């Protein structure tokens, strides 16, 4: 979060073992970032973006 220049909040809803809680939070953030930043092979020239996909 420091090098990315973002504010990152992670909420853990349950768990007893601090090591496992940290592992799952780290993995969840990694998966979310990968999903958000990975190029879509169907549109190789497009810039990764959620523009137009979020509904309010």
N, C-alpha and C. Protein backbone atom coordinates (compact mmCIF):
# COMPACT_ATOMS: atom_id res chain seq x y z
N UNK A 1 0.83 -1.19 0.00
CA UNK A 1 0.00 0.00 0.00
C UNK A 1 0.87 1.26 0.00
N UNK A 2 2.03 1.20 0.63
CA UNK A 2 2.89 2.38 0.70
C UNK A 2 3.47 2.73 -0.67
N UNK A 3 4.00 1.77 -1.39
CA UNK A 3 4.59 2.04 -2.70
C UNK A 3 3.54 2.32 -3.76
N UNK A 4 2.34 1.80 -3.57
CA UNK A 4 1.27 2.03 -4.54
C UNK A 4 0.65 3.41 -4.37
N UNK A 5 0.87 4.03 -3.23
CA UNK A 5 0.29 5.35 -2.98
C UNK A 5 -1.22 5.28 -2.79
N UNK A 6 -1.69 4.23 -2.14
CA UNK A 6 -3.13 4.05 -1.93
C UNK A 6 -3.40 3.88 -0.43
N UNK A 7 -4.65 4.04 -0.06
CA UNK A 7 -5.10 3.70 1.28
C UNK A 7 -5.81 2.37 1.16
N UNK A 8 -5.38 1.40 1.92
CA UNK A 8 -5.91 0.05 1.80
C UNK A 8 -6.54 -0.37 3.12
N UNK A 9 -7.80 -0.76 3.08
CA UNK A 9 -8.51 -1.25 4.26
C UNK A 9 -8.93 -2.68 3.99
N UNK A 10 -8.59 -3.58 4.90
CA UNK A 10 -8.97 -4.98 4.77
C UNK A 10 -9.74 -5.36 6.03
N UNK A 11 -10.93 -5.90 5.86
CA UNK A 11 -11.74 -6.33 6.99
C UNK A 11 -11.73 -7.85 7.06
N UNK A 12 -11.40 -8.37 8.21
CA UNK A 12 -11.43 -9.82 8.43
C UNK A 12 -12.65 -10.11 9.30
N UNK A 13 -13.54 -10.96 8.83
CA UNK A 13 -14.79 -11.21 9.54
C UNK A 13 -14.69 -12.27 10.61
N UNK A 14 -13.72 -13.17 10.50
CA UNK A 14 -13.56 -14.19 11.55
C UNK A 14 -12.19 -14.84 11.44
N UNK A 15 -11.83 -15.56 12.48
CA UNK A 15 -10.55 -16.27 12.51
C UNK A 15 -9.94 -16.19 13.90
N UNK A 16 -9.18 -17.22 14.25
CA UNK A 16 -8.57 -17.25 15.58
C UNK A 16 -7.04 -17.22 15.50
N UNK A 17 -6.48 -17.75 14.43
CA UNK A 17 -5.03 -17.85 14.30
C UNK A 17 -4.52 -16.64 13.52
N UNK A 18 -3.75 -15.79 14.17
CA UNK A 18 -3.28 -14.55 13.53
C UNK A 18 -2.48 -14.80 12.26
N UNK A 19 -1.71 -15.86 12.23
CA UNK A 19 -0.93 -16.19 11.04
C UNK A 19 -1.86 -16.48 9.86
N UNK A 20 -2.89 -17.27 10.09
CA UNK A 20 -3.82 -17.62 9.01
C UNK A 20 -4.65 -16.41 8.59
N UNK A 21 -4.98 -15.56 9.53
CA UNK A 21 -5.72 -14.33 9.20
C UNK A 21 -4.88 -13.45 8.28
N UNK A 22 -3.61 -13.26 8.62
CA UNK A 22 -2.72 -12.44 7.79
C UNK A 22 -2.56 -13.05 6.41
N UNK A 23 -2.40 -14.38 6.35
CA UNK A 23 -2.25 -15.08 5.06
C UNK A 23 -3.46 -14.87 4.17
N UNK A 24 -4.66 -15.05 4.74
CA UNK A 24 -5.87 -14.94 3.92
C UNK A 24 -6.11 -13.50 3.46
N UNK A 25 -5.80 -12.53 4.32
CA UNK A 25 -5.95 -11.12 3.91
C UNK A 25 -4.99 -10.79 2.78
N UNK A 26 -3.75 -11.24 2.89
CA UNK A 26 -2.75 -10.99 1.86
C UNK A 26 -3.17 -11.63 0.54
N UNK A 27 -3.66 -12.87 0.61
CA UNK A 27 -4.06 -13.58 -0.60
C UNK A 27 -5.28 -12.91 -1.24
N UNK A 28 -6.23 -12.46 -0.43
CA UNK A 28 -7.42 -11.81 -0.96
C UNK A 28 -7.07 -10.51 -1.68
N UNK A 29 -6.17 -9.73 -1.09
CA UNK A 29 -5.74 -8.47 -1.72
C UNK A 29 -5.00 -8.77 -3.02
N UNK A 30 -4.14 -9.78 -3.01
CA UNK A 30 -3.40 -10.15 -4.22
C UNK A 30 -4.34 -10.57 -5.34
N UNK A 31 -5.35 -11.37 -5.01
CA UNK A 31 -6.31 -11.80 -6.03
C UNK A 31 -7.11 -10.63 -6.58
N UNK A 32 -7.52 -9.72 -5.70
CA UNK A 32 -8.29 -8.56 -6.14
C UNK A 32 -7.45 -7.66 -7.05
N UNK A 33 -6.19 -7.42 -6.67
CA UNK A 33 -5.32 -6.59 -7.51
C UNK A 33 -5.05 -7.25 -8.85
N UNK A 34 -4.82 -8.55 -8.84
CA UNK A 34 -4.57 -9.25 -10.10
C UNK A 34 -5.79 -9.15 -11.01
N UNK A 35 -6.96 -9.37 -10.44
CA UNK A 35 -8.19 -9.29 -11.23
C UNK A 35 -8.39 -7.89 -11.80
N UNK A 36 -8.06 -6.88 -11.01
CA UNK A 36 -8.26 -5.49 -11.45
C UNK A 36 -7.24 -5.05 -12.49
N UNK A 37 -6.03 -5.61 -12.45
CA UNK A 37 -4.95 -5.10 -13.30
C UNK A 37 -4.57 -6.00 -14.46
N UNK A 38 -5.02 -7.25 -14.44
CA UNK A 38 -4.65 -8.19 -15.50
C UNK A 38 -5.32 -7.82 -16.82
N UNK A 39 -4.57 -7.87 -17.87
CA UNK A 39 -5.13 -7.57 -19.19
C UNK A 39 -6.09 -8.68 -19.62
N UNK A 40 -7.15 -8.28 -20.28
CA UNK A 40 -8.14 -9.22 -20.79
C UNK A 40 -7.63 -9.77 -22.11
N UNK A 41 -7.41 -11.09 -22.21
CA UNK A 41 -6.89 -11.65 -23.46
C UNK A 41 -7.83 -11.43 -24.65
N UNK A 42 -9.10 -11.17 -24.37
CA UNK A 42 -10.06 -10.91 -25.46
C UNK A 42 -9.88 -9.50 -26.02
N UNK A 43 -9.25 -8.61 -25.23
CA UNK A 43 -9.01 -7.23 -25.66
C UNK A 43 -7.57 -6.85 -25.31
N UNK A 44 -6.60 -7.39 -26.02
CA UNK A 44 -5.19 -7.20 -25.65
C UNK A 44 -4.71 -5.75 -25.71
N UNK A 45 -5.36 -4.90 -26.48
CA UNK A 45 -4.92 -3.50 -26.61
C UNK A 45 -5.66 -2.56 -25.66
N UNK A 46 -6.63 -3.08 -24.91
CA UNK A 46 -7.42 -2.24 -24.01
C UNK A 46 -6.68 -2.03 -22.69
N UNK A 47 -6.92 -0.88 -22.07
CA UNK A 47 -6.36 -0.57 -20.76
C UNK A 47 -7.29 -1.17 -19.70
N UNK A 48 -6.74 -1.90 -18.70
CA UNK A 48 -7.60 -2.47 -17.66
C UNK A 48 -8.38 -1.35 -16.95
N UNK A 49 -9.69 -1.49 -16.88
CA UNK A 49 -10.53 -0.46 -16.28
C UNK A 49 -11.87 -1.04 -15.87
N UNK A 50 -12.48 -0.45 -14.85
CA UNK A 50 -13.83 -0.82 -14.45
C UNK A 50 -14.85 0.17 -15.00
N UNK A 51 -14.39 1.15 -15.77
CA UNK A 51 -15.27 2.18 -16.31
C UNK A 51 -16.41 1.53 -17.09
N UNK A 52 -17.63 1.92 -16.72
CA UNK A 52 -18.81 1.40 -17.40
C UNK A 52 -19.30 0.06 -16.87
N UNK A 53 -18.56 -0.55 -15.93
CA UNK A 53 -18.99 -1.86 -15.44
C UNK A 53 -19.61 -1.78 -14.04
N UNK A 54 -19.44 -0.65 -13.35
CA UNK A 54 -20.01 -0.50 -12.02
C UNK A 54 -21.39 0.14 -12.11
N UNK A 55 -22.32 -0.41 -11.37
CA UNK A 55 -23.68 0.12 -11.38
C UNK A 55 -24.03 0.60 -9.98
N UNK A 56 -24.65 1.75 -9.91
CA UNK A 56 -24.95 2.33 -8.59
C UNK A 56 -26.39 2.44 -8.30
